Amino acid sequence: HVRAYSTLTEMANFLWAAFFIALLQRGHSQSCGAGSTACKCIGTDPKTSKSVTFDISTLFSYPIIINGISTSGWNYNYNPCSPFTCGTSTPNQANMCQQSKANTDKNNAGTSPVWAILNSTSFTITYSATTLAILRTTTVTFIGVATLTTPQTSIVTEPSTAIYVFTVYMPISNPGGGGDVSGFVGFILITLIFAALVAYFVVGGAIMYSKGTRGIEMIPNIGFWKDLPFLIKDGVMF
């Protein structure tokens, strides 16, 4: 039964990726406009073209310490509003400072914030700095969540060498005033659709198995799913 499980998993992953890419193509990010600061962004929601203001100056009591993955040996000191001294290598003024857990080594993991508005409740800030001939870049994704009362952070991961990412989850009221929960509602809808697809394949596969089919033929309506990638390709090219 390993082959059938692998096929179902691969198909579910493909559908999720295709759906996510389609969502990303719905709109583009927007930068900040006049009146913005390192901790405040005034701009436009790319999805609705409405004005939005994000102010993270009081989101935390800065600076904050964010854990890296347990095996990395690093923690991260973050202050989006004011650069601070990080290590001795020039430049040593950082918004994001990578520091060893023993606090014996520090690296500038980024300064000079670049904002990108994703929608009325989420945005990213990217920092970068070059020290000792190494360019380090940190991207922080801020997401408004309706059910939160206090902000939370994920751990910092390093998907590629000297590339650091983490997420800040904020109360929905913190972003610039809109109170728009469409992003959160969209997340719930995506989750429900994905769960329905998984249930469809698992239950359908079990039914097909009970009828004596094996391998890839266990996938319900296998002909349609085989044709789906080509239908998507044709739709994109059209």
C-alpha atoms as a PDB file:
ATOM      1  CA  HIS A   1       0.000   0.000   0.000  1.00  0.00           C
ATOM      2  CA  VAL A   2       3.054   2.316   0.125  1.00  0.00           C
ATOM      3  CA  ARG A   3       2.792   3.205  -3.536  1.00  0.00           C
ATOM      4  CA  ALA A   4      -0.850   4.279  -3.236  1.00  0.00           C
ATOM      5  CA  TYR A   5      -0.137   6.442  -0.176  1.00  0.00           C
ATOM      6  CA  SER A   6       2.787   8.119  -1.939  1.00  0.00           C
ATOM      7  CA  THR A   7       0.640   8.882  -4.967  1.00  0.00           C
ATOM      8  CA  LEU A   8      -2.153  10.385  -2.878  1.00  0.00           C
ATOM      9  CA  THR A   9       0.304  12.514  -0.947  1.00  0.00           C
ATOM     10  CA  GLU A  10       2.018  13.765  -4.089  1.00  0.00           C
ATOM     11  CA  MET A  11      -1.325  14.640  -5.668  1.00  0.00           C
ATOM     12  CA  ALA A  12      -2.471  16.522  -2.544  1.00  0.00           C
ATOM     13  CA  ASN A  13       0.821  18.439  -2.444  1.00  0.00           C
ATOM     14  CA  PHE A  14       0.491  19.342  -6.128  1.00  0.00           C
ATOM     15  CA  LEU A  15      -3.056  20.647  -5.677  1.00  0.00           C
ATOM     16  CA  TRP A  16      -2.087  22.672  -2.622  1.00  0.00           C
ATOM     17  CA  ALA A  17       0.891  24.213  -4.433  1.00  0.00           C
ATOM     18  CA  ALA A  18      -1.183  25.077  -7.499  1.00  0.00           C
ATOM     19  CA  PHE A  19      -3.895  26.636  -5.333  1.00  0.00           C
ATOM     20  CA  PHE A  20      -1.344  28.660  -3.343  1.00  0.00           C
ATOM     21  CA  ILE A  21       0.351  29.939  -6.515  1.00  0.00           C
ATOM     22  CA  ALA A  22      -3.027  31.015  -7.864  1.00  0.00           C
ATOM     23  CA  LEU A  23      -3.660  32.981  -4.671  1.00  0.00           C
ATOM     24  CA  LEU A  24      -0.300  34.695  -4.922  1.00  0.00           C
ATOM     25  CA  GLN A  25      -1.089  35.764  -8.471  1.00  0.00           C
ATOM     26  CA  ARG A  26      -4.241  37.583  -7.346  1.00  0.00           C
ATOM     27  CA  GLY A  27      -2.335  40.725  -6.390  1.00  0.00           C
ATOM     28  CA  HIS A  28       1.043  42.325  -5.972  1.00  0.00           C
ATOM     29  CA  SER A  29       2.671  43.937  -2.965  1.00  0.00           C
ATOM     30  CA  GLN A  30       2.831  47.693  -2.463  1.00  0.00           C
ATOM     31  CA  SER A  31       5.554  49.801  -0.870  1.00  0.00           C
ATOM     32  CA  CYS A  32       5.119  52.571   1.698  1.00  0.00           C
ATOM     33  CA  GLY A  33       4.360  56.176   0.827  1.00  0.00           C
ATOM     34  CA  ALA A  34       4.888  59.648   2.259  1.00  0.00           C
ATOM     35  CA  GLY A  35       4.810  59.956   6.032  1.00  0.00           C
ATOM     36  CA  SER A  36       6.156  56.455   6.629  1.00  0.00           C
ATOM     37  CA  THR A  37       8.920  55.667   9.118  1.00  0.00           C
ATOM     38  CA  ALA A  38      10.980  52.609  10.036  1.00  0.00           C
ATOM     39  CA  CYS A  39       8.102  51.399  12.247  1.00  0.00           C
ATOM     40  CA  LYS A  40       5.154  52.856  10.388  1.00  0.00           C
ATOM     41  CA  CYS A  41       3.983  52.254   6.841  1.00  0.00           C
ATOM     42  CA  ILE A  42       1.357  54.344   5.054  1.00  0.00           C
ATOM     43  CA  GLY A  43       0.335  52.858   1.752  1.00  0.00           C
ATOM     44  CA  THR A  44      -2.297  51.087  -0.306  1.00  0.00           C
ATOM     45  CA  ASP A  45      -3.823  47.633  -0.045  1.00  0.00           C
ATOM     46  CA  PRO A  46      -2.959  46.047  -3.434  1.00  0.00           C
ATOM     47  CA  LYS A  47      -6.127  43.945  -3.333  1.00  0.00           C
ATOM     48  CA  THR A  48      -8.645  46.716  -2.677  1.00  0.00           C
ATOM     49  CA  SER A  49      -6.671  49.899  -3.534  1.00  0.00           C
ATOM     50  CA  LYS A  50      -7.764  51.320  -0.172  1.00  0.00           C
ATOM     51  CA  SER A  51      -5.405  53.285   2.054  1.00  0.00           C
ATOM     52  CA  VAL A  52      -3.875  51.383   4.967  1.00  0.00           C
ATOM     53  CA  THR A  53      -1.551  52.310   7.807  1.00  0.00           C
ATOM     54  CA  PHE A  54       0.540  49.827   9.758  1.00  0.00           C
ATOM     55  CA  ASP A  55       2.232  50.955  12.977  1.00  0.00           C
ATOM     56  CA  ILE A  56       4.332  48.380  14.841  1.00  0.00           C
ATOM     57  CA  SER A  57       6.060  50.828  17.186  1.00  0.00           C
ATOM     58  CA  THR A  58       4.069  49.586  20.196  1.00  0.00           C
ATOM     59  CA  LEU A  59       3.568  45.977  19.107  1.00  0.00           C
ATOM     60  CA  PHE A  60       6.357  44.798  21.442  1.00  0.00           C
ATOM     61  CA  SER A  61       8.646  46.355  24.003  1.00  0.00           C
ATOM     62  CA  TYR A  62      11.719  46.432  21.785  1.00  0.00           C
ATOM     63  CA  PRO A  63      14.259  44.992  21.425  1.00  0.00           C
ATOM     64  CA  ILE A  64      12.947  41.425  21.571  1.00  0.00           C
ATOM     65  CA  ILE A  65      14.866  38.149  21.568  1.00  0.00           C
ATOM     66  CA  ILE A  66      13.659  35.554  19.060  1.00  0.00           C
ATOM     67  CA  ASN A  67      14.858  31.977  19.197  1.00  0.00           C
ATOM     68  CA  GLY A  68      16.533  30.299  16.270  1.00  0.00           C
ATOM     69  CA  ILE A  69      16.026  26.595  15.602  1.00  0.00           C
ATOM     70  CA  SER A  70      17.402  24.521  18.464  1.00  0.00           C
ATOM     71  CA  THR A  71      20.293  23.107  16.425  1.00  0.00           C
ATOM     72  CA  SER A  72      21.473  26.434  15.012  1.00  0.00           C
ATOM     73  CA  GLY A  73      23.288  27.771  18.074  1.00  0.00           C
ATOM     74  CA  TRP A  74      21.885  31.262  17.385  1.00  0.00           C
ATOM     75  CA  ASN A  75      19.287  33.632  18.791  1.00  0.00           C
ATOM     76  CA  TYR A  76      18.183  36.900  17.209  1.00  0.00           C
ATOM     77  CA  ASN A  77      17.786  40.373  18.682  1.00  0.00           C
ATOM     78  CA  TYR A  78      15.190  42.459  16.814  1.00  0.00           C
ATOM     79  CA  ASN A  79      14.280  46.139  16.952  1.00  0.00           C
ATOM     80  CA  PRO A  80      12.455  47.373  13.827  1.00  0.00           C
ATOM     81  CA  CYS A  81      12.242  50.972  15.046  1.00  0.00           C
ATOM     82  CA  SER A  82      15.828  51.822  15.970  1.00  0.00           C
ATOM     83  CA  PRO A  83      19.143  50.276  14.854  1.00  0.00           C
ATOM     84  CA  PHE A  84      21.403  49.181  17.708  1.00  0.00           C
ATOM     85  CA  THR A  85      25.004  48.056  18.097  1.00  0.00           C
ATOM     86  CA  CYS A  86      25.589  44.488  16.957  1.00  0.00           C
ATOM     87  CA  GLY A  87      29.127  43.114  17.079  1.00  0.00           C
ATOM     88  CA  THR A  88      32.276  44.934  16.042  1.00  0.00           C
ATOM     89  CA  SER A  89      32.377  44.366  12.262  1.00  0.00           C
ATOM     90  CA  THR A  90      31.383  47.364  10.143  1.00  0.00           C
ATOM     91  CA  PRO A  91      28.535  48.157   9.726  1.00  0.00           C
ATOM     92  CA  ASN A  92      27.575  47.254  13.266  1.00  0.00           C
ATOM     93  CA  GLN A  93      24.279  49.148  13.503  1.00  0.00           C
ATOM     94  CA  ALA A  94      21.503  46.598  12.983  1.00  0.00           C
ATOM     95  CA  ASN A  95      17.763  46.164  13.201  1.00  0.00           C
ATOM     96  CA  MET A  96      18.280  42.399  13.311  1.00  0.00           C
ATOM     97  CA  CYS A  97      21.273  40.968  15.177  1.00  0.00           C
ATOM     98  CA  GLN A  98      22.303  37.336  15.033  1.00  0.00           C
ATOM     99  CA  GLN A  99      23.973  36.364  18.291  1.00  0.00           C
ATOM    100  CA  SER A 100      25.330  33.085  19.574  1.00  0.00           C
ATOM    101  CA  LYS A 101      23.377  31.556  22.442  1.00  0.00           C
ATOM    102  CA  ALA A 102      26.492  31.978  24.568  1.00  0.00           C
ATOM    103  CA  ASN A 103      26.453  35.660  23.521  1.00  0.00           C
ATOM    104  CA  THR A 104      30.094  35.470  22.413  1.00  0.00           C
ATOM    105  CA  ASP A 105      29.581  36.176  18.711  1.00  0.00           C
ATOM    106  CA  LYS A 106      27.311  38.660  16.920  1.00  0.00           C
ATOM    107  CA  ASN A 107      26.540  39.324  13.252  1.00  0.00           C
ATOM    108  CA  ASN A 108      24.562  42.109  11.641  1.00  0.00           C
ATOM    109  CA  ALA A 109      21.614  40.252  10.067  1.00  0.00           C
ATOM    110  CA  GLY A 110      20.056  43.297   8.490  1.00  0.00           C
ATOM    111  CA  THR A 111      19.218  46.986   8.547  1.00  0.00           C
ATOM    112  CA  SER A 112      17.596  49.521   6.154  1.00  0.00           C
ATOM    113  CA  PRO A 113      13.998  48.185   6.265  1.00  0.00           C
ATOM    114  CA  VAL A 114      12.068  47.672   3.032  1.00  0.00           C
ATOM    115  CA  TRP A 115       8.327  47.235   3.528  1.00  0.00           C
ATOM    116  CA  ALA A 116       5.924  45.409   1.209  1.00  0.00           C
ATOM    117  CA  ILE A 117       2.171  45.576   1.855  1.00  0.00           C
ATOM    118  CA  LEU A 118       0.447  42.286   1.001  1.00  0.00           C
ATOM    119  CA  ASN A 119      -3.134  43.177   1.988  1.00  0.00           C
ATOM    120  CA  SER A 120      -5.043  45.119   4.640  1.00  0.00           C
ATOM    121  CA  THR A 121      -3.806  42.892   7.480  1.00  0.00           C
ATOM    122  CA  SER A 122      -0.375  41.628   6.472  1.00  0.00           C
ATOM    123  CA  PHE A 123       2.966  42.869   5.203  1.00  0.00           C
ATOM    124  CA  THR A 124       6.655  42.006   5.102  1.00  0.00           C
ATOM    125  CA  ILE A 125       9.768  43.914   6.126  1.00  0.00           C
ATOM    126  CA  THR A 126      13.127  42.923   4.663  1.00  0.00           C
ATOM    127  CA  TYR A 127      16.485  43.914   6.137  1.00  0.00           C
ATOM    128  CA  SER A 128      19.955  43.342   4.714  1.00  0.00           C
ATOM    129  CA  ALA A 129      23.574  44.097   5.577  1.00  0.00           C
ATOM    130  CA  THR A 130      26.999  42.990   4.394  1.00  0.00           C
ATOM    131  CA  THR A 131      29.680  42.321   6.998  1.00  0.00           C
ATOM    132  CA  LEU A 132      32.945  40.443   6.478  1.00  0.00           C
ATOM    133  CA  ALA A 133      31.979  40.013   2.794  1.00  0.00           C
ATOM    134  CA  ILE A 134      28.800  38.107   3.722  1.00  0.00           C
ATOM    135  CA  LEU A 135      25.417  39.507   2.715  1.00  0.00           C
ATOM    136  CA  ARG A 136      22.807  38.605   5.323  1.00  0.00           C
ATOM    137  CA  THR A 137      19.110  39.164   4.685  1.00  0.00           C
ATOM    138  CA  THR A 138      16.194  38.874   7.098  1.00  0.00           C
ATOM    139  CA  THR A 139      12.538  38.878   6.030  1.00  0.00           C
ATOM    140  CA  VAL A 140       9.846  39.307   8.658  1.00  0.00           C
ATOM    141  CA  THR A 141       6.240  38.544   7.713  1.00  0.00           C
ATOM    142  CA  PHE A 142       3.581  40.247   9.839  1.00  0.00           C
ATOM    143  CA  ILE A 143       0.134  38.649   9.764  1.00  0.00           C
ATOM    144  CA  GLY A 144      -2.981  39.989  11.481  1.00  0.00           C
ATOM    145  CA  VAL A 145      -5.034  37.282  13.236  1.00  0.00           C
ATOM    146  CA  ALA A 146      -8.527  38.015  14.529  1.00  0.00           C
ATOM    147  CA  THR A 147      -8.358  35.572  17.435  1.00  0.00           C
ATOM    148  CA  LEU A 148      -5.156  36.935  18.996  1.00  0.00           C
ATOM    149  CA  THR A 149      -5.032  39.368  21.895  1.00  0.00           C
ATOM    150  CA  THR A 150      -1.237  39.526  22.172  1.00  0.00           C
ATOM    151  CA  PRO A 151       1.395  39.270  19.424  1.00  0.00           C
ATOM    152  CA  GLN A 152       3.385  36.072  18.922  1.00  0.00           C
ATOM    153  CA  THR A 153       6.483  35.178  16.921  1.00  0.00           C
ATOM    154  CA  SER A 154       7.691  32.046  15.230  1.00  0.00           C
ATOM    155  CA  ILE A 155      11.279  30.854  15.552  1.00  0.00           C
ATOM    156  CA  VAL A 156      13.841  32.146  13.078  1.00  0.00           C
ATOM    157  CA  THR A 157      14.756  29.692  10.332  1.00  0.00           C
ATOM    158  CA  GLU A 158      17.531  29.820   7.736  1.00  0.00           C
ATOM    159  CA  PRO A 159      16.168  28.322   4.482  1.00  0.00           C
ATOM    160  CA  SER A 160      19.390  29.278   2.656  1.00  0.00           C
ATOM    161  CA  THR A 161      22.814  30.382   3.832  1.00  0.00           C
ATOM    162  CA  ALA A 162      22.628  33.844   5.445  1.00  0.00           C
ATOM    163  CA  ILE A 163      18.894  34.125   4.635  1.00  0.00           C
ATOM    164  CA  TYR A 164      16.716  34.380   7.748  1.00  0.00           C
ATOM    165  CA  VAL A 165      12.924  34.376   7.987  1.00  0.00           C
ATOM    166  CA  PHE A 166      10.353  34.474  10.740  1.00  0.00           C
ATOM    167  CA  THR A 167       6.703  35.441  11.239  1.00  0.00           C
ATOM    168  CA  VAL A 168       4.979  37.805  13.639  1.00  0.00           C
ATOM    169  CA  TYR A 169       1.296  37.131  14.332  1.00  0.00           C
ATOM    170  CA  MET A 170      -0.544  40.278  15.436  1.00  0.00           C
ATOM    171  CA  PRO A 171      -3.979  41.056  16.873  1.00  0.00           C
ATOM    172  CA  ILE A 172      -6.127  42.120  13.943  1.00  0.00           C
ATOM    173  CA  SER A 173      -6.734  45.553  15.469  1.00  0.00           C
ATOM    174  CA  ASN A 174      -3.035  46.411  15.369  1.00  0.00           C
ATOM    175  CA  PRO A 175      -2.713  46.914  11.606  1.00  0.00           C
ATOM    176  CA  GLY A 176      -3.761  50.315  10.389  1.00  0.00           C
ATOM    177  CA  GLY A 177      -7.200  50.509  11.416  1.00  0.00           C
ATOM    178  CA  GLY A 178      -9.207  48.709   8.830  1.00  0.00           C
ATOM    179  CA  GLY A 179     -10.412  45.909  11.013  1.00  0.00           C
ATOM    180  CA  ASP A 180     -10.687  43.915   7.802  1.00  0.00           C
ATOM    181  CA  VAL A 181     -10.627  40.201   8.598  1.00  0.00           C
ATOM    182  CA  SER A 182     -10.763  39.093   4.958  1.00  0.00           C
ATOM    183  CA  GLY A 183      -7.232  37.702   5.172  1.00  0.00           C
ATOM    184  CA  PHE A 184      -8.132  35.553   8.164  1.00  0.00           C
ATOM    185  CA  VAL A 185     -11.412  34.423   6.590  1.00  0.00           C
ATOM    186  CA  GLY A 186      -9.511  33.536   3.423  1.00  0.00           C
ATOM    187  CA  PHE A 187      -7.077  31.459   5.463  1.00  0.00           C
ATOM    188  CA  ILE A 188      -9.989  29.556   7.046  1.00  0.00           C
ATOM    189  CA  LEU A 189     -11.543  28.922   3.627  1.00  0.00           C
ATOM    190  CA  ILE A 190      -8.253  27.673   2.210  1.00  0.00           C
ATOM    191  CA  THR A 191      -7.829  25.342   5.192  1.00  0.00           C
ATOM    192  CA  LEU A 192     -11.348  23.945   4.774  1.00  0.00           C
ATOM    193  CA  ILE A 193     -10.867  23.400   1.045  1.00  0.00           C
ATOM    194  CA  PHE A 194      -7.552  21.647   1.628  1.00  0.00           C
ATOM    195  CA  ALA A 195      -9.097  19.434   4.340  1.00  0.00           C
ATOM    196  CA  ALA A 196     -11.961  18.555   1.986  1.00  0.00           C
ATOM    197  CA  LEU A 197      -9.490  17.554  -0.747  1.00  0.00           C
ATOM    198  CA  VAL A 198      -7.561  15.332   1.653  1.00  0.00           C
ATOM    199  CA  ALA A 199     -10.795  13.704   2.841  1.00  0.00           C
ATOM    200  CA  TYR A 200     -11.876  13.213  -0.770  1.00  0.00           C
ATOM    201  CA  PHE A 201      -8.698  11.348  -1.681  1.00  0.00           C
ATOM    202  CA  VAL A 202      -8.462   9.319   1.534  1.00  0.00           C
ATOM    203  CA  VAL A 203     -12.115   8.233   1.620  1.00  0.00           C
ATOM    204  CA  GLY A 204     -12.278   7.775  -2.147  1.00  0.00           C
ATOM    205  CA  GLY A 205      -9.066   5.768  -2.105  1.00  0.00           C
ATOM    206  CA  ALA A 206     -10.437   3.520   0.629  1.00  0.00           C
ATOM    207  CA  ILE A 207     -13.586   2.901  -1.392  1.00  0.00           C
ATOM    208  CA  MET A 208     -11.587   2.090  -4.503  1.00  0.00           C
ATOM    209  CA  TYR A 209      -9.372  -0.235  -2.468  1.00  0.00           C
ATOM    210  CA  SER A 210     -12.429  -2.081  -1.175  1.00  0.00           C
ATOM    211  CA  LYS A 211     -13.415  -2.649  -4.803  1.00  0.00           C
ATOM    212  CA  GLY A 212     -10.101  -4.346  -5.506  1.00  0.00           C
ATOM    213  CA  THR A 213      -8.180  -1.543  -7.206  1.00  0.00           C
ATOM    214  CA  ARG A 214      -4.549  -0.967  -6.292  1.00  0.00           C
ATOM    215  CA  GLY A 215      -1.799   1.598  -6.863  1.00  0.00           C
ATOM    216  CA  ILE A 216      -2.534   4.806  -8.720  1.00  0.00           C
ATOM    217  CA  GLU A 217      -5.916   3.522  -9.832  1.00  0.00           C
ATOM    218  CA  MET A 218      -7.098   3.973  -6.235  1.00  0.00           C
ATOM    219  CA  ILE A 219      -7.366   7.715  -6.851  1.00  0.00           C
ATOM    220  CA  PRO A 220     -11.043   8.636  -7.420  1.00  0.00           C
ATOM    221  CA  ASN A 221     -11.727   9.912 -10.943  1.00  0.00           C
ATOM    222  CA  ILE A 222      -8.124   9.202 -11.888  1.00  0.00           C
ATOM    223  CA  GLY A 223      -8.666  10.334 -15.492  1.00  0.00           C
ATOM    224  CA  PHE A 224      -9.648  13.822 -14.417  1.00  0.00           C
ATOM    225  CA  TRP A 225      -6.666  14.195 -12.045  1.00  0.00           C
ATOM    226  CA  LYS A 226      -4.242  12.998 -14.716  1.00  0.00           C
ATOM    227  CA  ASP A 227      -5.565  15.667 -17.059  1.00  0.00           C
ATOM    228  CA  LEU A 228      -5.659  18.444 -14.434  1.00  0.00           C
ATOM    229  CA  PRO A 229      -2.005  19.612 -14.795  1.00  0.00           C
ATOM    230  CA  PHE A 230      -2.494  19.988 -18.553  1.00  0.00           C
ATOM    231  CA  LEU A 231      -5.794  21.819 -18.031  1.00  0.00           C
ATOM    232  CA  ILE A 232      -4.065  24.237 -15.646  1.00  0.00           C
ATOM    233  CA  LYS A 233      -1.228  24.744 -18.131  1.00  0.00           C
ATOM    234  CA  ASP A 234      -3.699  25.443 -20.923  1.00  0.00           C
ATOM    235  CA  GLY A 235      -5.597  27.873 -18.705  1.00  0.00           C
ATOM    236  CA  VAL A 236      -2.434  29.789 -17.767  1.00  0.00           C
ATOM    237  CA  MET A 237      -1.260  29.998 -21.390  1.00  0.00           C
ATOM    238  CA  PHE A 238      -4.711  31.132 -22.488  1.00  0.00           C
END
